[in-house]
């Protein structure tokens, strides 16, 4: 639904037209979503417990983490284009409910 606008936004960052900001919490959440999405490609039943149990299998874990590593590398690359990674402390979390 928002794929094109997200891609355009990231392209503007990559071209140096705008600066971007992301938090450690957002990175963690996105990487987890990528992990579960990739794992669901290989499992019939995709509860968190099924995924957690299957992640003990080294070959399965490697397949799933390949997508996570790819996106993590992309995020790392974005920092060289101007994306700032902000730490999130308890004060930020408390204030975030105001938004």
PDB file of N, CA and C in Angstrom:
ATOM      1  N   UNK A   1       0.811  -1.185   0.000  1.00  0.00           N
ATOM      2  CA  UNK A   1       0.000   0.000   0.000  1.00  0.00           C
ATOM      3  C   UNK A   1       0.863   1.261   0.000  1.00  0.00           C
ATOM      4  N   UNK A   2       1.895   1.272   0.831  1.00  0.00           N
ATOM      5  CA  UNK A   2       2.754   2.453   0.927  1.00  0.00           C
ATOM      6  C   UNK A   2       4.127   2.218   0.308  1.00  0.00           C
ATOM      7  N   UNK A   3       4.278   1.119  -0.409  1.00  0.00           N
ATOM      8  CA  UNK A   3       5.578   0.755  -0.945  1.00  0.00           C
ATOM      9  C   UNK A   3       6.238   1.827  -1.791  1.00  0.00           C
ATOM     10  N   UNK A   4       5.483   2.411  -2.706  1.00  0.00           N
ATOM     11  CA  UNK A   4       6.055   3.436  -3.590  1.00  0.00           C
ATOM     12  C   UNK A   4       6.478   4.678  -2.814  1.00  0.00           C
ATOM     13  N   UNK A   5       5.630   5.129  -1.905  1.00  0.00           N
ATOM     14  CA  UNK A   5       5.981   6.340  -1.151  1.00  0.00           C
ATOM     15  C   UNK A   5       7.167   6.083  -0.230  1.00  0.00           C
ATOM     16  N   UNK A   6       7.249   4.873   0.332  1.00  0.00           N
ATOM     17  CA  UNK A   6       8.405   4.538   1.175  1.00  0.00           C
ATOM     18  C   UNK A   6       9.681   4.484   0.345  1.00  0.00           C
ATOM     19  N   UNK A   7       9.591   3.878  -0.829  1.00  0.00           N
ATOM     20  CA  UNK A   7      10.760   3.812  -1.712  1.00  0.00           C
ATOM     21  C   UNK A   7      11.201   5.203  -2.135  1.00  0.00           C
ATOM     22  N   UNK A   8      10.242   6.053  -2.457  1.00  0.00           N
ATOM     23  CA  UNK A   8      10.575   7.430  -2.838  1.00  0.00           C
ATOM     24  C   UNK A   8      11.242   8.173  -1.687  1.00  0.00           C
ATOM     25  N   UNK A   9      10.730   7.963  -0.488  1.00  0.00           N
ATOM     26  CA  UNK A   9      11.310   8.592   0.697  1.00  0.00           C
ATOM     27  C   UNK A   9      12.760   8.148   0.889  1.00  0.00           C
ATOM     28  N   UNK A  10      13.001   6.843   0.792  1.00  0.00           N
ATOM     29  CA  UNK A  10      14.361   6.326   0.957  1.00  0.00           C
ATOM     30  C   UNK A  10      15.271   6.803  -0.171  1.00  0.00           C
ATOM     31  N   UNK A  11      14.755   6.886  -1.373  1.00  0.00           N
ATOM     32  CA  UNK A  11      15.552   7.409  -2.487  1.00  0.00           C
ATOM     33  C   UNK A  11      15.954   8.856  -2.253  1.00  0.00           C
ATOM     34  N   UNK A  12      15.061   9.648  -1.691  1.00  0.00           N
ATOM     35  CA  UNK A  12      15.389  11.045  -1.394  1.00  0.00           C
ATOM     36  C   UNK A  12      16.504  11.123  -0.349  1.00  0.00           C
ATOM     37  N   UNK A  13      16.499  10.210   0.612  1.00  0.00           N
ATOM     38  CA  UNK A  13      17.586  10.165   1.597  1.00  0.00           C
ATOM     39  C   UNK A  13      18.888   9.780   0.906  1.00  0.00           C
ATOM     40  N   UNK A  14      18.835   8.718   0.091  1.00  0.00           N
ATOM     41  CA  UNK A  14      20.028   8.244  -0.604  1.00  0.00           C
ATOM     42  C   UNK A  14      20.629   9.318  -1.507  1.00  0.00           C
ATOM     43  N   UNK A  15      19.787  10.153  -2.084  1.00  0.00           N
ATOM     44  CA  UNK A  15      20.261  11.230  -2.967  1.00  0.00           C
ATOM     45  C   UNK A  15      20.690  12.466  -2.194  1.00  0.00           C
ATOM     46  N   UNK A  16      20.557  12.437  -0.887  1.00  0.00           N
ATOM     47  CA  UNK A  16      20.973  13.573  -0.067  1.00  0.00           C
ATOM     48  C   UNK A  16      19.996  14.735  -0.081  1.00  0.00           C
ATOM     49  N   UNK A  17      18.779  14.498  -0.541  1.00  0.00           N
ATOM     50  CA  UNK A  17      17.784  15.569  -0.596  1.00  0.00           C
ATOM     51  C   UNK A  17      17.173  15.865   0.776  1.00  0.00           C
ATOM     52  N   UNK A  18      17.101  14.845   1.608  1.00  0.00           N
ATOM     53  CA  UNK A  18      16.584  15.015   2.968  1.00  0.00           C
ATOM     54  C   UNK A  18      17.402  14.163   3.925  1.00  0.00           C
ATOM     55  N   UNK A  19      17.358  14.519   5.190  1.00  0.00           N
ATOM     56  CA  UNK A  19      17.978  13.703   6.232  1.00  0.00           C
ATOM     57  C   UNK A  19      16.901  12.827   6.852  1.00  0.00           C
ATOM     58  N   UNK A  20      17.276  11.654   7.274  1.00  0.00           N
ATOM     59  CA  UNK A  20      16.329  10.740   7.901  1.00  0.00           C
ATOM     60  C   UNK A  20      16.747  10.415   9.318  1.00  0.00           C
ATOM     61  N   UNK A  21      15.763  10.014  10.101  1.00  0.00           N
ATOM     62  CA  UNK A  21      15.996   9.624  11.488  1.00  0.00           C
ATOM     63  C   UNK A  21      15.252   8.323  11.736  1.00  0.00           C
ATOM     64  N   UNK A  22      15.884   7.424  12.454  1.00  0.00           N
ATOM     65  CA  UNK A  22      15.254   6.170  12.851  1.00  0.00           C
ATOM     66  C   UNK A  22      15.722   5.861  14.267  1.00  0.00           C
ATOM     67  N   UNK A  23      14.903   5.169  15.012  1.00  0.00           N
ATOM     68  CA  UNK A  23      15.291   4.822  16.380  1.00  0.00           C
ATOM     69  C   UNK A  23      15.691   3.355  16.460  1.00  0.00           C
ATOM     70  N   UNK A  24      16.403   3.044  17.509  1.00  0.00           N
ATOM     71  CA  UNK A  24      16.813   1.659  17.729  1.00  0.00           C
ATOM     72  C   UNK A  24      15.601   0.751  17.893  1.00  0.00           C
ATOM     73  N   UNK A  25      14.537   1.259  18.483  1.00  0.00           N
ATOM     74  CA  UNK A  25      13.313   0.458  18.644  1.00  0.00           C
ATOM     75  C   UNK A  25      12.692   0.115  17.290  1.00  0.00           C
ATOM     76  N   UNK A  26      12.668   1.078  16.398  1.00  0.00           N
ATOM     77  CA  UNK A  26      12.096   0.844  15.071  1.00  0.00           C
ATOM     78  C   UNK A  26      12.939  -0.180  14.319  1.00  0.00           C
ATOM     79  N   UNK A  27      14.249  -0.039  14.394  1.00  0.00           N
ATOM     80  CA  UNK A  27      15.135  -1.004  13.733  1.00  0.00           C
ATOM     81  C   UNK A  27      14.875  -2.404  14.263  1.00  0.00           C
ATOM     82  N   UNK A  28      14.810  -2.538  15.575  1.00  0.00           N
ATOM     83  CA  UNK A  28      14.569  -3.842  16.193  1.00  0.00           C
ATOM     84  C   UNK A  28      13.238  -4.428  15.726  1.00  0.00           C
ATOM     85  N   UNK A  29      12.204  -3.615  15.704  1.00  0.00           N
ATOM     86  CA  UNK A  29      10.875  -4.086  15.295  1.00  0.00           C
ATOM     87  C   UNK A  29      10.856  -4.502  13.827  1.00  0.00           C
ATOM     88  N   UNK A  30      11.475  -3.715  12.969  1.00  0.00           N
ATOM     89  CA  UNK A  30      11.502  -4.041  11.540  1.00  0.00           C
ATOM     90  C   UNK A  30      12.291  -5.325  11.294  1.00  0.00           C
ATOM     91  N   UNK A  31      13.440  -5.465  11.942  1.00  0.00           N
ATOM     92  CA  UNK A  31      14.236  -6.681  11.766  1.00  0.00           C
ATOM     93  C   UNK A  31      13.474  -7.908  12.253  1.00  0.00           C
ATOM     94  N   UNK A  32      12.740  -7.768  13.355  1.00  0.00           N
ATOM     95  CA  UNK A  32      11.932  -8.882  13.861  1.00  0.00           C
ATOM     96  C   UNK A  32      10.823  -9.235  12.869  1.00  0.00           C
ATOM     97  N   UNK A  33      10.176  -8.233  12.295  1.00  0.00           N
ATOM     98  CA  UNK A  33       9.111  -8.490  11.313  1.00  0.00           C
ATOM     99  C   UNK A  33       9.670  -9.184  10.073  1.00  0.00           C
ATOM    100  N   UNK A  34      10.859  -8.777   9.643  1.00  0.00           N
ATOM    101  CA  UNK A  34      11.495  -9.429   8.496  1.00  0.00           C
ATOM    102  C   UNK A  34      11.813 -10.876   8.830  1.00  0.00           C
ATOM    103  N   UNK A  35      12.336 -11.112  10.028  1.00  0.00           N
ATOM    104  CA  UNK A  35      12.653 -12.470  10.462  1.00  0.00           C
ATOM    105  C   UNK A  35      11.406 -13.343  10.457  1.00  0.00           C
ATOM    106  N   UNK A  36      10.321 -12.867  11.044  1.00  0.00           N
ATOM    107  CA  UNK A  36       9.109 -13.689  11.107  1.00  0.00           C
ATOM    108  C   UNK A  36       8.489 -13.886   9.720  1.00  0.00           C
ATOM    109  N   UNK A  37       8.561 -12.867   8.876  1.00  0.00           N
ATOM    110  CA  UNK A  37       8.025 -13.008   7.517  1.00  0.00           C
ATOM    111  C   UNK A  37       8.820 -14.043   6.731  1.00  0.00           C
ATOM    112  N   UNK A  38      10.139 -13.982   6.838  1.00  0.00           N
ATOM    113  CA  UNK A  38      10.981 -14.946   6.123  1.00  0.00           C
ATOM    114  C   UNK A  38      10.759 -16.357   6.666  1.00  0.00           C
ATOM    115  N   UNK A  39      10.658 -16.483   7.975  1.00  0.00           N
ATOM    116  CA  UNK A  39      10.426 -17.795   8.583  1.00  0.00           C
ATOM    117  C   UNK A  39       9.095 -18.375   8.122  1.00  0.00           C
ATOM    118  N   UNK A  40       8.096 -17.533   7.975  1.00  0.00           N
ATOM    119  CA  UNK A  40       6.772 -18.017   7.572  1.00  0.00           C
ATOM    120  C   UNK A  40       6.771 -18.586   6.152  1.00  0.00           C
ATOM    121  N   UNK A  41       7.764 -18.224   5.363  1.00  0.00           N
ATOM    122  CA  UNK A  41       7.877 -18.785   4.009  1.00  0.00           C
ATOM    123  C   UNK A  41       8.204 -20.273   4.038  1.00  0.00           C
ATOM    124  N   UNK A  42       8.779 -20.741   5.132  1.00  0.00           N
ATOM    125  CA  UNK A  42       9.245 -22.119   5.221  1.00  0.00           C
ATOM    126  C   UNK A  42       8.435 -22.974   6.189  1.00  0.00           C
ATOM    127  N   UNK A  43       7.463 -22.390   6.868  1.00  0.00           N
ATOM    128  CA  UNK A  43       6.701 -23.124   7.875  1.00  0.00           C
ATOM    129  C   UNK A  43       5.223 -23.173   7.513  1.00  0.00           C
ATOM    130  N   UNK A  44       4.586 -24.290   7.866  1.00  0.00           N
ATOM    131  CA  UNK A  44       3.140 -24.388   7.667  1.00  0.00           C
ATOM    132  C   UNK A  44       2.392 -23.617   8.752  1.00  0.00           C
ATOM    133  N   UNK A  45       2.929 -23.688   9.951  1.00  0.00           N
ATOM    134  CA  UNK A  45       2.315 -23.019  11.099  1.00  0.00           C
ATOM    135  C   UNK A  45       3.305 -21.972  11.592  1.00  0.00           C
ATOM    136  N   UNK A  46       2.877 -20.724  11.724  1.00  0.00           N
ATOM    137  CA  UNK A  46       3.844 -19.658  11.998  1.00  0.00           C
ATOM    138  C   UNK A  46       3.546 -18.883  13.278  1.00  0.00           C
ATOM    139  N   UNK A  47       3.325 -19.608  14.356  1.00  0.00           N
ATOM    140  CA  UNK A  47       3.246 -18.910  15.634  1.00  0.00           C
ATOM    141  C   UNK A  47       4.667 -18.566  16.062  1.00  0.00           C
ATOM    142  N   UNK A  48       4.784 -17.633  16.964  1.00  0.00           N
ATOM    143  CA  UNK A  48       6.121 -17.242  17.436  1.00  0.00           C
ATOM    144  C   UNK A  48       6.838 -18.434  18.060  1.00  0.00           C
ATOM    145  N   UNK A  49       6.071 -19.312  18.688  1.00  0.00           N
ATOM    146  CA  UNK A  49       6.686 -20.489  19.323  1.00  0.00           C
ATOM    147  C   UNK A  49       7.204 -21.461  18.279  1.00  0.00           C
ATOM    148  N   UNK A  50       6.480 -21.624  17.178  1.00  0.00           N
ATOM    149  CA  UNK A  50       6.951 -22.488  16.091  1.00  0.00           C
ATOM    150  C   UNK A  50       8.238 -21.935  15.485  1.00  0.00           C
ATOM    151  N   UNK A  51       8.253 -20.635  15.278  1.00  0.00           N
ATOM    152  CA  UNK A  51       9.440 -19.994  14.709  1.00  0.00           C
ATOM    153  C   UNK A  51      10.617 -20.125  15.661  1.00  0.00           C
ATOM    154  N   UNK A  52      10.384 -19.837  16.933  1.00  0.00           N
ATOM    155  CA  UNK A  52      11.453 -19.919  17.933  1.00  0.00           C
ATOM    156  C   UNK A  52      12.035 -21.329  17.996  1.00  0.00           C
ATOM    157  N   UNK A  53      11.172 -22.325  17.967  1.00  0.00           N
ATOM    158  CA  UNK A  53      11.636 -23.710  18.017  1.00  0.00           C
ATOM    159  C   UNK A  53      12.429 -24.070  16.761  1.00  0.00           C
ATOM    160  N   UNK A  54      11.935 -23.670  15.604  1.00  0.00           N
ATOM    161  CA  UNK A  54      12.603 -24.003  14.338  1.00  0.00           C
ATOM    162  C   UNK A  54      13.928 -23.257  14.177  1.00  0.00           C
ATOM    163  N   UNK A  55      14.067 -22.094  14.822  1.00  0.00           N
ATOM    164  CA  UNK A  55      15.305 -21.318  14.721  1.00  0.00           C
ATOM    165  C   UNK A  55      16.498 -22.059  15.328  1.00  0.00           C
ATOM    166  N   UNK A  56      16.237 -23.122  16.090  1.00  0.00           N
ATOM    167  CA  UNK A  56      17.330 -23.938  16.645  1.00  0.00           C
ATOM    168  C   UNK A  56      18.029 -24.745  15.550  1.00  0.00           C
ATOM    169  N   UNK A  57      17.347 -24.938  14.430  1.00  0.00           N
ATOM    170  CA  UNK A  57      17.913 -25.634  13.277  1.00  0.00           C
ATOM    171  C   UNK A  57      18.835 -24.659  12.539  1.00  0.00           C
ATOM    172  N   UNK A  58      20.117 -24.983  12.485  1.00  0.00           N
ATOM    173  CA  UNK A  58      21.123 -24.075  11.935  1.00  0.00           C
ATOM    174  C   UNK A  58      20.841 -23.711  10.481  1.00  0.00           C
ATOM    175  N   UNK A  59      20.487 -24.672   9.652  1.00  0.00           N
ATOM    176  CA  UNK A  59      20.254 -24.365   8.235  1.00  0.00           C
ATOM    177  C   UNK A  59      19.015 -23.477   8.069  1.00  0.00           C
ATOM    178  N   UNK A  60      17.983 -23.737   8.846  1.00  0.00           N
ATOM    179  CA  UNK A  60      16.787 -22.888   8.809  1.00  0.00           C
ATOM    180  C   UNK A  60      17.129 -21.478   9.273  1.00  0.00           C
ATOM    181  N   UNK A  61      17.857 -21.394  10.353  1.00  0.00           N
ATOM    182  CA  UNK A  61      18.246 -20.101  10.918  1.00  0.00           C
ATOM    183  C   UNK A  61      19.056 -19.285   9.913  1.00  0.00           C
ATOM    184  N   UNK A  62      19.971 -19.927   9.202  1.00  0.00           N
ATOM    185  CA  UNK A  62      20.776 -19.226   8.196  1.00  0.00           C
ATOM    186  C   UNK A  62      19.905 -18.661   7.084  1.00  0.00           C
ATOM    187  N   UNK A  63      18.930 -19.452   6.626  1.00  0.00           N
ATOM    188  CA  UNK A  63      18.035 -18.978   5.561  1.00  0.00           C
ATOM    189  C   UNK A  63      17.237 -17.763   6.026  1.00  0.00           C
ATOM    190  N   UNK A  64      16.728 -17.841   7.231  1.00  0.00           N
ATOM    191  CA  UNK A  64      15.884 -16.765   7.754  1.00  0.00           C
ATOM    192  C   UNK A  64      16.705 -15.510   8.017  1.00  0.00           C
ATOM    193  N   UNK A  65      17.866 -15.676   8.634  1.00  0.00           N
ATOM    194  CA  UNK A  65      18.690 -14.516   8.968  1.00  0.00           C
ATOM    195  C   UNK A  65      19.326 -13.858   7.751  1.00  0.00           C
ATOM    196  N   UNK A  66      19.359 -14.543   6.615  1.00  0.00           N
ATOM    197  CA  UNK A  66      19.933 -13.910   5.420  1.00  0.00           C
ATOM    198  C   UNK A  66      19.144 -12.657   5.045  1.00  0.00           C
ATOM    199  N   UNK A  67      17.837 -12.710   5.164  1.00  0.00           N
ATOM    200  CA  UNK A  67      17.005 -11.533   4.866  1.00  0.00           C
ATOM    201  C   UNK A  67      17.213 -10.439   5.904  1.00  0.00           C
ATOM    202  N   UNK A  68      17.373 -10.833   7.147  1.00  0.00           N
ATOM    203  CA  UNK A  68      17.604  -9.865   8.225  1.00  0.00           C
ATOM    204  C   UNK A  68      18.938  -9.162   8.013  1.00  0.00           C
ATOM    205  N   UNK A  69      19.969  -9.937   7.691  1.00  0.00           N
ATOM    206  CA  UNK A  69      21.293  -9.354   7.451  1.00  0.00           C
ATOM    207  C   UNK A  69      21.271  -8.392   6.263  1.00  0.00           C
ATOM    208  N   UNK A  70      20.550  -8.765   5.223  1.00  0.00           N
ATOM    209  CA  UNK A  70      20.468  -7.912   4.033  1.00  0.00           C
ATOM    210  C   UNK A  70      19.858  -6.556   4.390  1.00  0.00           C
ATOM    211  N   UNK A  71      18.783  -6.561   5.139  1.00  0.00           N
ATOM    212  CA  UNK A  71      18.152  -5.302   5.524  1.00  0.00           C
ATOM    213  C   UNK A  71      19.015  -4.533   6.516  1.00  0.00           C
ATOM    214  N   UNK A  72      19.660  -5.229   7.440  1.00  0.00           N
ATOM    215  CA  UNK A  72      20.548  -4.562   8.401  1.00  0.00           C
ATOM    216  C   UNK A  72      21.702  -3.887   7.663  1.00  0.00           C
ATOM    217  N   UNK A  73      22.228  -4.553   6.643  1.00  0.00           N
ATOM    218  CA  UNK A  73      23.290  -3.945   5.830  1.00  0.00           C
ATOM    219  C   UNK A  73      22.784  -2.699   5.118  1.00  0.00           C
ATOM    220  N   UNK A  74      21.555  -2.752   4.628  1.00  0.00           N
ATOM    221  CA  UNK A  74      20.961  -1.590   3.961  1.00  0.00           C
ATOM    222  C   UNK A  74      20.806  -0.432   4.946  1.00  0.00           C
ATOM    223  N   UNK A  75      20.338  -0.720   6.159  1.00  0.00           N
ATOM    224  CA  UNK A  75      20.223   0.333   7.173  1.00  0.00           C
ATOM    225  C   UNK A  75      21.584   0.933   7.491  1.00  0.00           C
ATOM    226  N   UNK A  76      22.590   0.088   7.570  1.00  0.00           N
ATOM    227  CA  UNK A  76      23.943   0.572   7.829  1.00  0.00           C
ATOM    228  C   UNK A  76      24.394   1.494   6.697  1.00  0.00           C
ATOM    229  N   UNK A  77      24.078   1.110   5.473  1.00  0.00           N
ATOM    230  CA  UNK A  77      24.424   1.937   4.315  1.00  0.00           C
ATOM    231  C   UNK A  77      23.689   3.279   4.357  1.00  0.00           C
ATOM    232  N   UNK A  78      22.436   3.266   4.795  1.00  0.00           N
ATOM    233  CA  UNK A  78      21.671   4.508   4.872  1.00  0.00           C
ATOM    234  C   UNK A  78      22.291   5.512   5.832  1.00  0.00           C
ATOM    235  N   UNK A  79      22.973   5.034   6.861  1.00  0.00           N
ATOM    236  CA  UNK A  79      23.599   5.975   7.796  1.00  0.00           C
ATOM    237  C   UNK A  79      24.677   6.798   7.101  1.00  0.00           C
ATOM    238  N   UNK A  80      25.291   6.236   6.067  1.00  0.00           N
ATOM    239  CA  UNK A  80      26.293   7.011   5.331  1.00  0.00           C
ATOM    240  C   UNK A  80      25.642   8.057   4.422  1.00  0.00           C
ATOM    241  N   UNK A  81      24.331   7.920   4.194  1.00  0.00           N
ATOM    242  CA  UNK A  81      23.595   8.890   3.381  1.00  0.00           C
ATOM    243  C   UNK A  81      22.871   9.932   4.221  1.00  0.00           C
ATOM    244  N   UNK A  82      23.056   9.883   5.519  1.00  0.00           N
ATOM    245  CA  UNK A  82      22.450  10.911   6.353  1.00  0.00           C
ATOM    246  C   UNK A  82      21.376  10.459   7.313  1.00  0.00           C
ATOM    247  N   UNK A  83      21.093   9.173   7.395  1.00  0.00           N
ATOM    248  CA  UNK A  83      20.118   8.707   8.378  1.00  0.00           C
ATOM    249  C   UNK A  83      20.799   8.626   9.734  1.00  0.00           C
ATOM    250  N   UNK A  84      20.193   9.247  10.715  1.00  0.00           N
ATOM    251  CA  UNK A  84      20.713   9.226  12.071  1.00  0.00           C
ATOM    252  C   UNK A  84      19.944   8.187  12.873  1.00  0.00           C
ATOM    253  N   UNK A  85      20.662   7.331  13.574  1.00  0.00           N
ATOM    254  CA  UNK A  85      20.038   6.344  14.449  1.00  0.00           C
ATOM    255  C   UNK A  85      20.039   6.923  15.856  1.00  0.00           C
ATOM    256  N   UNK A  86      18.847   7.104  16.394  1.00  0.00           N
ATOM    257  CA  UNK A  86      18.711   7.696  17.719  1.00  0.00           C
ATOM    258  C   UNK A  86      18.474   6.621  18.766  1.00  0.00           C
ATOM    259  N   UNK A  87      19.173   6.720  19.887  1.00  0.00           N
ATOM    260  CA  UNK A  87      18.857   5.807  20.985  1.00  0.00           C
ATOM    261  C   UNK A  87      17.524   6.230  21.604  1.00  0.00           C
ATOM    262  N   UNK A  88      16.847   5.301  22.190  1.00  0.00           N
ATOM    263  CA  UNK A  88      15.571   5.605  22.835  1.00  0.00           C
ATOM    264  C   UNK A  88      15.710   5.309  24.319  1.00  0.00           C
ATOM    265  N   UNK A  89      15.513   6.349  25.122  1.00  0.00           N
ATOM    266  CA  UNK A  89      15.562   6.153  26.570  1.00  0.00           C
ATOM    267  C   UNK A  89      14.137   6.201  27.125  1.00  0.00           C
ATOM    268  N   UNK A  90      14.002   5.999  28.406  1.00  0.00           N
ATOM    269  CA  UNK A  90      12.683   5.945  29.019  1.00  0.00           C
ATOM    270  C   UNK A  90      11.934   7.267  28.850  1.00  0.00           C
ATOM    271  N   UNK A  91      12.640   8.379  28.893  1.00  0.00           N
ATOM    272  CA  UNK A  91      11.995   9.673  28.693  1.00  0.00           C
ATOM    273  C   UNK A  91      11.367   9.789  27.316  1.00  0.00           C
ATOM    274  N   UNK A  92      12.060   9.293  26.305  1.00  0.00           N
ATOM    275  CA  UNK A  92      11.531   9.314  24.943  1.00  0.00           C
ATOM    276  C   UNK A  92      10.284   8.442  24.837  1.00  0.00           C
ATOM    277  N   UNK A  93      10.346   7.282  25.446  1.00  0.00           N
ATOM    278  CA  UNK A  93       9.194   6.379  25.419  1.00  0.00           C
ATOM    279  C   UNK A  93       7.993   7.041  26.086  1.00  0.00           C
ATOM    280  N   UNK A  94       8.220   7.661  27.222  1.00  0.00           N
ATOM    281  CA  UNK A  94       7.137   8.326  27.948  1.00  0.00           C
ATOM    282  C   UNK A  94       6.546   9.463  27.126  1.00  0.00           C
ATOM    283  N   UNK A  95       7.405  10.258  26.493  1.00  0.00           N
ATOM    284  CA  UNK A  95       6.930  11.379  25.680  1.00  0.00           C
ATOM    285  C   UNK A  95       6.247  10.924  24.396  1.00  0.00           C
ATOM    286  N   UNK A  96       6.593   9.733  23.908  1.00  0.00           N
ATOM    287  CA  UNK A  96       6.049   9.280  22.626  1.00  0.00           C
ATOM    288  C   UNK A  96       4.537   9.102  22.661  1.00  0.00           C
ATOM    289  N   UNK A  97       3.973   8.861  23.822  1.00  0.00           N
ATOM    290  CA  UNK A  97       2.518   8.705  23.889  1.00  0.00           C
ATOM    291  C   UNK A  97       1.805  10.019  23.608  1.00  0.00           C
ATOM    292  N   UNK A  98       2.525  11.137  23.695  1.00  0.00           N
ATOM    293  CA  UNK A  98       1.935  12.442  23.410  1.00  0.00           C
ATOM    294  C   UNK A  98       1.734  12.652  21.913  1.00  0.00           C
ATOM    295  N   UNK A  99       2.444  11.890  21.096  1.00  0.00           N
ATOM    296  CA  UNK A  99       2.334  12.057  19.651  1.00  0.00           C
ATOM    297  C   UNK A  99       1.208  11.219  19.149  1.00  0.00           C
TER     298      UNK A  99
END
